[in-house]
Amino acid sequence: MLCALALACTFSAASAQNNTTATADIRPQNTFAGHYSRPLHDVMERLSKRFNVIFKYNVDTVGKVLPYADFRIRPYSLEESLTNICKYFDFNWWKQNGDVYKIKPYEYPRRHTEEGAAMLRYLSGLYHDRASFEARRDSVRREVRALLGIDPLLPRLVHKKPILGKVMKMDGYTVQNICIETLPGEHVFGTIYSSTKKGKHALIICPDGHFKGGRYRPDEQQRLGTLARMGAVCVDFDLYGWGQSEQEYGKDSHQTDRAHVIQALNAEVLLDYMLKNRKDIDPSRVGVNGGSGGGTHTILLTVLDDRITAAAPTVNLASHFDGGCPCESGKPIQLAGGGTCNPELISFFAPRPLQIVSDGGDWTASVPTLEYPFLQRIYGFYNATDKVENVHLPKERHDYGPNKRMANYDFFIRVFHLDRSMLDESKVTILPAEALQSKF
């Protein structure tokens, strides 16, 4: 009995000595019972010094404590350490320029590029030929419609005649505002840019993105006016809760998931009107073209409507980003088919002509090496790899600048046989926003 007691005391003393040594080396602030916790601020400060980086925060770290803090650090990897830390608080990290990392709240539409690559590998394994691809395509498209919730709204459409503004004559094209009552008491506000040439014209629906100035900004007028001068008829429309739509719904409405379905519905209403009521439209040449959030809705419209024959989503496509606004990802359409992403959704457009415009200064930087090869494989099922193209501008950033517009012009000139000799943006008149709004 005495021997046993002496042994226990010896073990206890040795343990205490070992713990003292551990405290001096690792300096945990608490015992195991306290989960070796540290204030998050201290953890991040030590991580910053260890890896010689700077952290910027879009989250509140005051008072937050991280359990098992030291065990989450990986000496060989800053980013793996950040992942272990951030996931506890439902945060995420994003590498900025140079040695700067931003800590932000978790965003379900936004993932790291490596996650996008893993998703595309997974999806690629689901189909090995045209038959298996089309089986999934048809199933996912049905689920997208159901998750978006657009079909229950269709029987409620008003079907009244639109309010059309006076035709404004420009150099080689005309401008006319349009307002259509969609659901009872709700309206879509847009503008039609028409060619002055005689005969049948290509139609291009142009969903708007979140660029400052909305659809009234100069670069949008230049793009639609130039396409019209070359022989197309283009239609754009206000985002839900932007422009005249803000007067109807209020400025906060755009931050609701209803924006997602109503913007898709508005595109369909305008497409229906133009095809059924304009005698100068060639139904075999129907395009959709938009940038940023307008690129998201360009993709969505190709999923919803088989009448689209050519598409050009611009500065938008990524396997790791679904769109950061409720009007792009408010409805859970990425859950269709057990999980999908925008590159797979636009791949359903194969084998029709498709142009992806990307740049090196936003989330589309991965397109040449990740999303474009995925699309080429799908188009290969149809022996149509020549029908999908990527124009990548590695030195440019997220905008709808002249090189992006020129890429779009070249694409639609080729696929819709527009008149290249009329390509001159300087001939487009930039109108004030008030001139592009409907008068009641």
Protein backbone atom coordinates (compact mmCIF):
# COMPACT_ATOMS: atom_id res chain seq x y z
CA MET A 1 0.00 0.00 0.00
CA LEU A 2 2.80 2.41 0.95
CA CYS A 3 4.69 1.51 -2.23
CA ALA A 4 1.65 2.23 -4.33
CA LEU A 5 1.13 5.60 -2.66
CA ALA A 6 4.78 6.55 -3.15
CA LEU A 7 4.58 5.60 -6.83
CA ALA A 8 1.48 7.71 -7.28
CA CYS A 9 3.13 10.70 -5.65
CA THR A 10 6.23 10.28 -7.81
CA PHE A 11 4.05 10.17 -11.01
CA SER A 12 2.13 13.20 -9.88
CA ALA A 13 5.26 15.21 -9.26
CA ALA A 14 6.73 14.22 -12.61
CA SER A 15 3.51 15.21 -14.38
CA ALA A 16 3.54 18.59 -12.71
CA GLN A 17 7.14 19.12 -13.78
CA ASN A 18 6.31 18.16 -17.39
CA ASN A 19 3.33 20.51 -17.43
CA THR A 20 5.51 23.35 -16.19
CA THR A 21 7.95 22.71 -19.02
CA ALA A 22 5.11 22.60 -21.54
CA THR A 23 3.76 25.88 -20.23
CA ALA A 24 7.13 27.54 -20.66
CA ASP A 25 7.51 26.28 -24.24
CA ILE A 26 3.99 26.45 -25.69
CA ARG A 27 2.36 28.81 -23.20
CA PRO A 28 -1.22 27.59 -23.29
CA GLN A 29 -3.30 30.00 -21.23
CA ASN A 30 -5.54 27.29 -19.82
CA THR A 31 -5.40 23.67 -18.76
CA PHE A 32 -6.93 20.91 -20.87
CA ALA A 33 -10.17 21.49 -18.98
CA GLY A 34 -10.09 25.02 -20.38
CA HIS A 35 -9.60 23.68 -23.93
CA TYR A 36 -6.30 25.57 -24.35
CA SER A 37 -8.30 28.62 -25.37
CA ARG A 38 -6.86 31.91 -26.58
CA PRO A 39 -8.49 35.21 -27.56
CA LEU A 40 -8.93 35.26 -31.33
CA HIS A 41 -7.18 38.62 -31.55
CA ASP A 42 -4.03 37.12 -30.00
CA VAL A 43 -4.15 34.09 -32.30
CA MET A 44 -4.37 36.25 -35.40
CA GLU A 45 -1.64 38.59 -34.21
CA ARG A 46 0.74 35.67 -33.66
CA LEU A 47 -0.23 34.18 -37.03
CA SER A 48 0.46 37.50 -38.74
CA LYS A 49 3.98 37.65 -37.26
CA ARG A 50 4.72 33.99 -37.92
CA PHE A 51 3.88 34.13 -41.64
CA ASN A 52 4.67 37.84 -42.18
CA VAL A 53 1.24 38.74 -43.53
CA ILE A 54 -1.39 41.43 -42.92
CA PHE A 55 -4.99 40.69 -41.99
CA LYS A 56 -7.93 42.95 -42.77
CA TYR A 57 -11.30 42.25 -41.22
CA ASN A 58 -14.91 42.46 -42.35
CA VAL A 59 -15.96 40.68 -39.15
CA ASP A 60 -16.06 41.60 -35.47
CA THR A 61 -13.39 39.73 -33.49
CA VAL A 62 -13.88 41.55 -30.17
CA GLY A 63 -14.39 39.16 -27.29
CA LYS A 64 -14.15 36.02 -29.41
CA VAL A 65 -12.19 33.12 -27.95
CA LEU A 66 -10.78 30.19 -29.92
CA PRO A 67 -10.58 26.78 -28.20
CA TYR A 68 -7.61 24.52 -28.90
CA ALA A 69 -6.06 27.52 -30.57
CA ASP A 70 -2.47 26.30 -30.84
CA PHE A 71 -3.56 22.95 -32.24
CA ARG A 72 -5.26 24.66 -35.20
CA ILE A 73 -2.00 26.17 -36.44
CA ARG A 74 -0.16 24.33 -39.21
CA PRO A 75 3.49 25.46 -39.27
CA TYR A 76 3.76 24.57 -42.96
CA SER A 77 0.61 26.34 -44.18
CA LEU A 78 -0.88 29.74 -43.41
CA GLU A 79 -4.00 29.03 -45.43
CA GLU A 80 -4.70 25.68 -43.79
CA SER A 81 -4.25 27.38 -40.40
CA LEU A 82 -6.70 30.12 -41.44
CA THR A 83 -9.23 27.52 -42.56
CA ASN A 84 -9.02 25.76 -39.18
CA ILE A 85 -9.49 29.05 -37.34
CA CYS A 86 -12.18 30.62 -39.51
CA LYS A 87 -14.50 27.63 -39.71
CA TYR A 88 -15.01 27.68 -35.95
CA PHE A 89 -16.57 31.16 -36.19
CA ASP A 90 -18.27 30.67 -39.57
CA PHE A 91 -15.74 33.04 -41.15
CA ASN A 92 -13.74 32.60 -44.33
CA TRP A 93 -10.42 34.00 -45.57
CA TRP A 94 -9.59 35.47 -48.95
CA LYS A 95 -6.15 36.29 -50.27
CA GLN A 96 -5.90 39.84 -51.56
CA ASN A 97 -2.91 41.46 -53.25
CA GLY A 98 0.57 40.52 -52.07
CA ASP A 99 0.71 39.57 -48.39
CA VAL A 100 -2.77 40.82 -47.45
CA TYR A 101 -5.56 38.46 -46.38
CA LYS A 102 -9.14 39.51 -45.71
CA ILE A 103 -11.25 37.77 -43.06
CA LYS A 104 -14.94 37.87 -43.97
CA PRO A 105 -18.22 36.24 -42.92
CA TYR A 106 -19.00 32.91 -44.57
CA GLU A 107 -20.72 33.44 -47.92
CA TYR A 108 -22.48 30.42 -49.40
CA PRO A 109 -22.15 31.58 -53.05
CA ARG A 110 -18.38 32.18 -52.80
CA ARG A 111 -15.73 29.47 -52.57
CA HIS A 112 -12.00 29.11 -53.12
CA THR A 113 -10.75 28.30 -56.60
CA GLU A 114 -9.61 24.86 -55.45
CA GLU A 115 -13.17 24.07 -54.39
CA GLY A 116 -14.39 25.07 -57.84
CA ALA A 117 -11.83 22.75 -59.43
CA ALA A 118 -12.98 19.90 -57.18
CA MET A 119 -16.60 20.59 -58.14
CA LEU A 120 -15.83 20.47 -61.85
CA ARG A 121 -13.93 17.19 -61.39
CA TYR A 122 -16.95 15.77 -59.60
CA LEU A 123 -19.36 16.93 -62.28
CA SER A 124 -17.13 15.66 -65.07
CA GLY A 125 -17.33 12.22 -63.54
CA LEU A 126 -21.11 12.20 -63.81
CA TYR A 127 -21.16 12.02 -67.60
CA HIS A 128 -18.86 10.35 -70.08
CA ASP A 129 -20.76 10.86 -73.32
CA ARG A 130 -23.54 12.90 -74.86
CA ALA A 131 -26.33 10.60 -73.67
CA SER A 132 -25.34 10.67 -70.00
CA PHE A 133 -24.74 14.42 -70.18
CA GLU A 134 -28.17 15.13 -71.67
CA ALA A 135 -29.90 12.95 -69.09
CA ARG A 136 -28.41 15.07 -66.30
CA ARG A 137 -28.97 18.29 -68.25
CA ASP A 138 -32.70 17.71 -68.57
CA SER A 139 -33.05 16.73 -64.92
CA VAL A 140 -31.07 19.68 -63.57
CA ARG A 141 -32.91 22.19 -65.77
CA ARG A 142 -36.24 21.01 -64.36
CA GLU A 143 -34.95 21.32 -60.83
CA VAL A 144 -33.59 24.81 -61.49
CA ARG A 145 -37.04 25.97 -62.59
CA ALA A 146 -38.61 24.45 -59.48
CA LEU A 147 -36.03 25.93 -57.09
CA LEU A 148 -36.25 29.34 -58.76
CA GLY A 149 -40.02 29.31 -58.37
CA ILE A 150 -40.77 30.91 -61.73
CA ASP A 151 -43.49 28.57 -63.01
CA PRO A 152 -46.16 29.44 -60.36
CA LEU A 153 -45.85 33.08 -61.46
CA LEU A 154 -46.54 32.47 -65.16
CA PRO A 155 -50.33 31.99 -64.86
CA ARG A 156 -50.49 35.32 -62.98
CA LEU A 157 -48.96 37.38 -65.80
CA VAL A 158 -51.19 40.30 -66.80
CA HIS A 159 -50.64 40.27 -70.60
CA LYS A 160 -51.60 43.89 -71.12
CA LYS A 161 -50.27 45.97 -73.98
CA PRO A 162 -46.99 47.67 -73.09
CA ILE A 163 -46.50 51.38 -72.70
CA LEU A 164 -44.14 52.40 -75.50
CA GLY A 165 -42.33 55.73 -75.52
CA LYS A 166 -41.73 57.84 -78.59
CA VAL A 167 -39.11 56.58 -81.03
CA MET A 168 -35.89 58.59 -80.71
CA LYS A 169 -33.92 58.57 -83.97
CA MET A 170 -30.14 58.32 -83.73
CA ASP A 171 -27.29 57.66 -86.17
CA GLY A 172 -28.17 54.27 -87.65
CA TYR A 173 -30.43 53.16 -84.82
CA THR A 174 -33.46 54.16 -82.77
CA VAL A 175 -34.19 54.19 -79.04
CA GLN A 176 -37.61 53.50 -77.55
CA ASN A 177 -38.56 52.97 -73.91
CA ILE A 178 -40.90 50.14 -72.93
CA CYS A 179 -42.89 49.42 -69.78
CA ILE A 180 -44.85 46.19 -69.37
CA GLU A 181 -47.11 45.28 -66.47
CA THR A 182 -45.96 41.79 -65.51
CA LEU A 183 -47.70 40.64 -62.33
CA PRO A 184 -50.69 42.72 -61.13
CA GLY A 185 -49.40 46.16 -60.18
CA GLU A 186 -45.78 45.29 -61.03
CA HIS A 187 -43.80 46.42 -64.05
CA VAL A 188 -40.61 45.86 -65.99
CA PHE A 189 -38.95 49.03 -67.29
CA GLY A 190 -36.58 48.84 -70.24
CA THR A 191 -35.34 50.31 -73.50
CA ILE A 192 -35.31 48.92 -77.04
CA TYR A 193 -32.37 49.80 -79.31
CA SER A 194 -33.36 48.99 -82.90
CA SER A 195 -31.52 48.89 -86.20
CA THR A 196 -32.75 51.24 -88.89
CA LYS A 197 -31.92 48.68 -91.57
CA LYS A 198 -34.81 47.00 -93.34
CA GLY A 199 -35.53 43.31 -93.02
CA LYS A 200 -35.31 40.76 -90.22
CA HIS A 201 -32.96 41.45 -87.32
CA ALA A 202 -31.26 39.45 -84.62
CA LEU A 203 -32.68 40.01 -81.14
CA ILE A 204 -30.36 40.32 -78.13
CA ILE A 205 -31.78 40.42 -74.60
CA CYS A 206 -29.35 42.26 -72.30
CA PRO A 207 -29.79 41.64 -68.55
CA ASP A 208 -28.05 44.35 -66.55
CA GLY A 209 -25.27 43.96 -63.97
CA HIS A 210 -24.43 45.91 -60.84
CA PHE A 211 -22.16 48.50 -62.42
CA LYS A 212 -22.59 52.05 -61.15
CA GLY A 213 -25.32 53.85 -63.06
CA GLY A 214 -27.27 50.71 -63.87
CA ARG A 215 -28.50 50.35 -67.42
CA TYR A 216 -28.27 54.10 -67.99
CA ARG A 217 -24.48 54.19 -67.81
CA PRO A 218 -22.53 55.15 -70.97
CA ASP A 219 -20.88 51.79 -71.66
CA GLU A 220 -24.24 50.00 -71.78
CA GLN A 221 -25.68 52.58 -74.14
CA GLN A 222 -22.56 52.26 -76.29
CA ARG A 223 -22.82 48.46 -76.43
CA LEU A 224 -26.52 48.25 -77.21
CA GLY A 225 -26.44 51.20 -79.60
CA THR A 226 -23.46 49.77 -81.51
CA LEU A 227 -25.06 46.32 -81.79
CA ALA A 228 -28.22 48.01 -83.08
CA ARG A 229 -26.23 50.04 -85.62
CA MET A 230 -24.75 46.78 -86.91
CA GLY A 231 -28.18 45.23 -87.45
CA ALA A 232 -29.50 43.86 -84.15
CA VAL A 233 -32.43 44.79 -81.91
CA CYS A 234 -31.31 44.96 -78.25
CA VAL A 235 -33.43 45.20 -75.10
CA ASP A 236 -32.22 45.97 -71.59
CA PHE A 237 -34.21 46.49 -68.40
CA ASP A 238 -33.82 47.74 -64.84
CA LEU A 239 -32.64 45.43 -62.11
CA TYR A 240 -35.30 44.69 -59.51
CA GLY A 241 -35.27 47.68 -57.17
CA TRP A 242 -32.93 49.78 -59.36
CA GLY A 243 -33.80 52.70 -61.65
CA GLN A 244 -37.53 53.07 -62.13
CA SER A 245 -38.02 49.72 -60.45
CA GLU A 246 -36.76 51.29 -57.21
CA GLN A 247 -39.70 53.68 -57.29
CA GLU A 248 -42.03 50.70 -57.39
CA TYR A 249 -40.39 48.28 -54.95
CA GLY A 250 -38.06 50.42 -52.82
CA LYS A 251 -34.26 50.41 -52.76
CA ASP A 252 -33.99 47.54 -50.26
CA SER A 253 -35.99 45.14 -52.44
CA HIS A 254 -32.91 44.21 -54.45
CA GLN A 255 -31.44 42.55 -51.36
CA THR A 256 -34.22 39.95 -51.26
CA ASP A 257 -34.38 36.55 -52.94
CA ARG A 258 -37.45 37.76 -54.85
CA ALA A 259 -35.05 39.77 -57.03
CA HIS A 260 -33.67 36.50 -58.40
CA VAL A 261 -36.96 35.21 -59.76
CA ILE A 262 -38.45 38.56 -60.84
CA GLN A 263 -35.40 39.51 -62.92
CA ALA A 264 -35.59 36.13 -64.65
CA LEU A 265 -39.32 36.61 -65.17
CA ASN A 266 -38.78 40.10 -66.62
CA ALA A 267 -36.31 38.76 -69.17
CA GLU A 268 -38.83 36.13 -70.24
CA VAL A 269 -41.66 38.67 -70.51
CA LEU A 270 -39.58 40.96 -72.74
CA LEU A 271 -38.40 38.04 -74.87
CA ASP A 272 -41.99 36.88 -75.34
CA TYR A 273 -43.15 40.36 -76.28
CA MET A 274 -40.39 40.95 -78.81
CA LEU A 275 -40.79 37.58 -80.53
CA LYS A 276 -44.59 37.70 -80.67
CA ASN A 277 -45.15 41.36 -81.53
CA ARG A 278 -42.18 42.60 -83.53
CA LYS A 279 -42.35 41.59 -87.17
CA ASP A 280 -38.73 42.58 -87.77
CA ILE A 281 -37.24 39.89 -85.49
CA ASP A 282 -35.57 36.76 -86.85
CA PRO A 283 -36.44 33.97 -84.34
CA SER A 284 -33.45 31.91 -85.50
CA ARG A 285 -31.10 34.62 -84.19
CA VAL A 286 -31.90 35.27 -80.53
CA GLY A 287 -29.03 36.16 -78.23
CA VAL A 288 -28.49 37.03 -74.59
CA ASN A 289 -25.57 39.16 -73.38
CA GLY A 290 -24.75 40.72 -70.01
CA GLY A 291 -21.85 41.42 -67.69
CA SER A 292 -21.21 40.65 -64.02
CA GLY A 293 -24.65 40.04 -62.47
CA GLY A 294 -26.05 40.42 -65.97
CA GLY A 295 -23.79 37.51 -66.92
CA THR A 296 -25.40 35.40 -64.19
CA HIS A 297 -28.81 36.13 -65.70
CA THR A 298 -27.44 35.50 -69.17
CA ILE A 299 -26.60 31.99 -68.00
CA LEU A 300 -29.94 31.58 -66.24
CA LEU A 301 -31.92 32.63 -69.31
CA THR A 302 -30.19 29.94 -71.41
CA VAL A 303 -31.31 27.36 -68.83
CA LEU A 304 -34.90 28.61 -68.78
CA ASP A 305 -35.54 29.26 -72.47
CA ASP A 306 -34.71 27.10 -75.50
CA ARG A 307 -35.32 30.00 -77.89
CA ILE A 308 -31.87 31.46 -77.14
CA THR A 309 -29.48 30.63 -79.98
CA ALA A 310 -26.26 32.44 -78.90
CA ALA A 311 -24.98 33.64 -75.53
CA ALA A 312 -22.14 35.84 -74.26
CA PRO A 313 -21.87 36.02 -70.44
CA THR A 314 -19.12 38.53 -69.68
CA VAL A 315 -16.83 38.92 -66.61
CA ASN A 316 -19.00 36.50 -64.72
CA LEU A 317 -18.35 32.78 -65.12
CA ALA A 318 -16.67 30.83 -62.31
CA SER A 319 -17.05 27.42 -60.73
CA HIS A 320 -16.26 28.90 -57.31
CA PHE A 321 -18.63 31.90 -57.34
CA ASP A 322 -22.38 31.86 -57.95
CA GLY A 323 -22.82 35.63 -57.72
CA GLY A 324 -22.66 37.70 -54.56
CA CYS A 325 -26.10 39.32 -54.76
CA PRO A 326 -29.53 37.89 -53.86
CA CYS A 327 -30.62 38.62 -57.43
CA GLU A 328 -28.05 36.03 -58.56
CA SER A 329 -28.06 33.44 -55.78
CA GLY A 330 -31.06 34.27 -53.60
CA LYS A 331 -32.93 31.18 -54.75
CA PRO A 332 -31.05 27.91 -54.15
CA ILE A 333 -30.73 26.84 -57.79
CA GLN A 334 -27.16 25.63 -57.22
CA LEU A 335 -28.65 22.76 -55.19
CA ALA A 336 -30.26 21.32 -58.32
CA GLY A 337 -29.11 17.86 -59.30
CA GLY A 338 -27.48 17.28 -55.93
CA GLY A 339 -25.22 20.28 -56.54
CA THR A 340 -24.28 22.30 -59.61
CA CYS A 341 -22.51 25.55 -60.55
CA ASN A 342 -22.67 28.18 -63.29
CA PRO A 343 -20.18 26.45 -65.65
CA GLU A 344 -22.34 23.34 -65.66
CA LEU A 345 -25.50 25.42 -66.14
CA ILE A 346 -24.05 27.20 -69.17
CA SER A 347 -22.70 23.88 -70.52
CA PHE A 348 -26.33 22.85 -71.03
CA PHE A 349 -26.34 25.42 -73.85
CA ALA A 350 -24.12 23.17 -75.99
CA PRO A 351 -23.73 22.99 -78.93
CA ARG A 352 -25.01 26.51 -79.61
CA PRO A 353 -22.51 29.40 -79.98
CA LEU A 354 -21.13 30.57 -76.64
CA GLN A 355 -18.58 33.23 -75.77
CA ILE A 356 -17.05 33.57 -72.28
CA VAL A 357 -15.22 36.85 -71.61
CA SER A 358 -12.93 36.82 -68.56
CA ASP A 359 -10.14 38.89 -67.04
CA GLY A 360 -7.24 38.56 -64.63
CA GLY A 361 -8.54 41.01 -62.03
CA ASP A 362 -11.63 39.25 -60.68
CA TRP A 363 -13.01 35.77 -59.99
CA THR A 364 -12.98 34.93 -63.71
CA ALA A 365 -9.17 34.72 -63.71
CA SER A 366 -9.50 30.92 -63.54
CA VAL A 367 -11.55 30.58 -66.75
CA PRO A 368 -8.72 29.73 -69.21
CA THR A 369 -7.37 26.89 -67.07
CA LEU A 370 -10.49 25.66 -65.28
CA GLU A 371 -13.95 26.55 -66.59
CA TYR A 372 -13.10 26.80 -70.30
CA PRO A 373 -11.55 23.30 -70.53
CA PHE A 374 -14.65 21.96 -68.78
CA LEU A 375 -16.87 23.59 -71.41
CA GLN A 376 -14.67 22.38 -74.27
CA ARG A 377 -15.09 18.81 -73.06
CA ILE A 378 -18.88 19.14 -73.05
CA TYR A 379 -18.95 20.77 -76.48
CA GLY A 380 -16.74 17.91 -77.62
CA PHE A 381 -19.65 15.53 -77.00
CA TYR A 382 -21.27 17.30 -79.97
CA ASN A 383 -18.11 17.68 -82.08
CA ALA A 384 -18.64 21.41 -81.61
CA THR A 385 -15.60 22.71 -79.73
CA ASP A 386 -15.39 25.48 -82.33
CA LYS A 387 -18.71 26.81 -81.02
CA VAL A 388 -17.39 27.74 -77.57
CA GLU A 389 -14.72 30.40 -77.08
CA ASN A 390 -12.97 32.26 -74.29
CA VAL A 391 -11.64 35.79 -74.67
CA HIS A 392 -9.36 36.30 -71.68
CA LEU A 393 -7.93 39.71 -70.78
CA PRO A 394 -5.30 38.93 -68.12
CA LYS A 395 -4.30 42.55 -67.43
CA GLU A 396 -7.83 43.89 -67.03
CA ARG A 397 -10.16 44.11 -64.05
CA HIS A 398 -13.87 43.76 -63.39
CA ASP A 399 -15.67 46.19 -65.69
CA TYR A 400 -17.41 46.34 -69.06
CA GLY A 401 -14.61 48.24 -70.77
CA PRO A 402 -13.93 48.64 -74.49
CA ASN A 403 -12.03 45.36 -74.93
CA LYS A 404 -14.87 43.38 -73.38
CA ARG A 405 -17.38 45.15 -75.60
CA MET A 406 -15.22 44.60 -78.69
CA ALA A 407 -15.10 40.89 -77.93
CA ASN A 408 -18.90 40.83 -77.74
CA TYR A 409 -19.22 42.75 -81.02
CA ASP A 410 -16.90 40.35 -82.82
CA PHE A 411 -18.84 37.35 -81.51
CA PHE A 412 -22.27 38.60 -82.57
CA ILE A 413 -20.94 39.82 -85.92
CA ARG A 414 -19.82 36.27 -86.65
CA VAL A 415 -22.76 34.28 -85.27
CA PHE A 416 -25.57 36.68 -86.27
CA HIS A 417 -23.96 38.07 -89.46
CA LEU A 418 -24.08 41.69 -88.32
CA ASP A 419 -22.56 44.51 -90.37
CA ARG A 420 -19.00 45.10 -89.15
CA SER A 421 -18.72 48.28 -91.21
CA MET A 422 -21.16 49.93 -88.76
CA LEU A 423 -18.95 49.20 -85.73
CA ASP A 424 -18.23 52.70 -84.43
CA GLU A 425 -19.03 53.47 -80.80
CA SER A 426 -18.43 57.18 -81.36
CA LYS A 427 -21.66 57.30 -83.38
CA VAL A 428 -23.73 56.34 -80.32
CA THR A 429 -25.47 59.20 -78.51
CA ILE A 430 -25.22 58.95 -74.71
CA LEU A 431 -28.60 59.96 -73.33
CA PRO A 432 -29.34 61.12 -69.76
CA ALA A 433 -31.01 58.57 -67.49
CA GLU A 434 -34.31 60.48 -67.62
CA ALA A 435 -34.50 59.97 -71.38
CA LEU A 436 -34.36 56.19 -70.92
CA GLN A 437 -37.22 56.02 -68.44
CA SER A 438 -40.87 55.42 -69.25
CA LYS A 439 -43.35 58.25 -68.85
CA PHE A 440 -46.81 57.42 -67.55
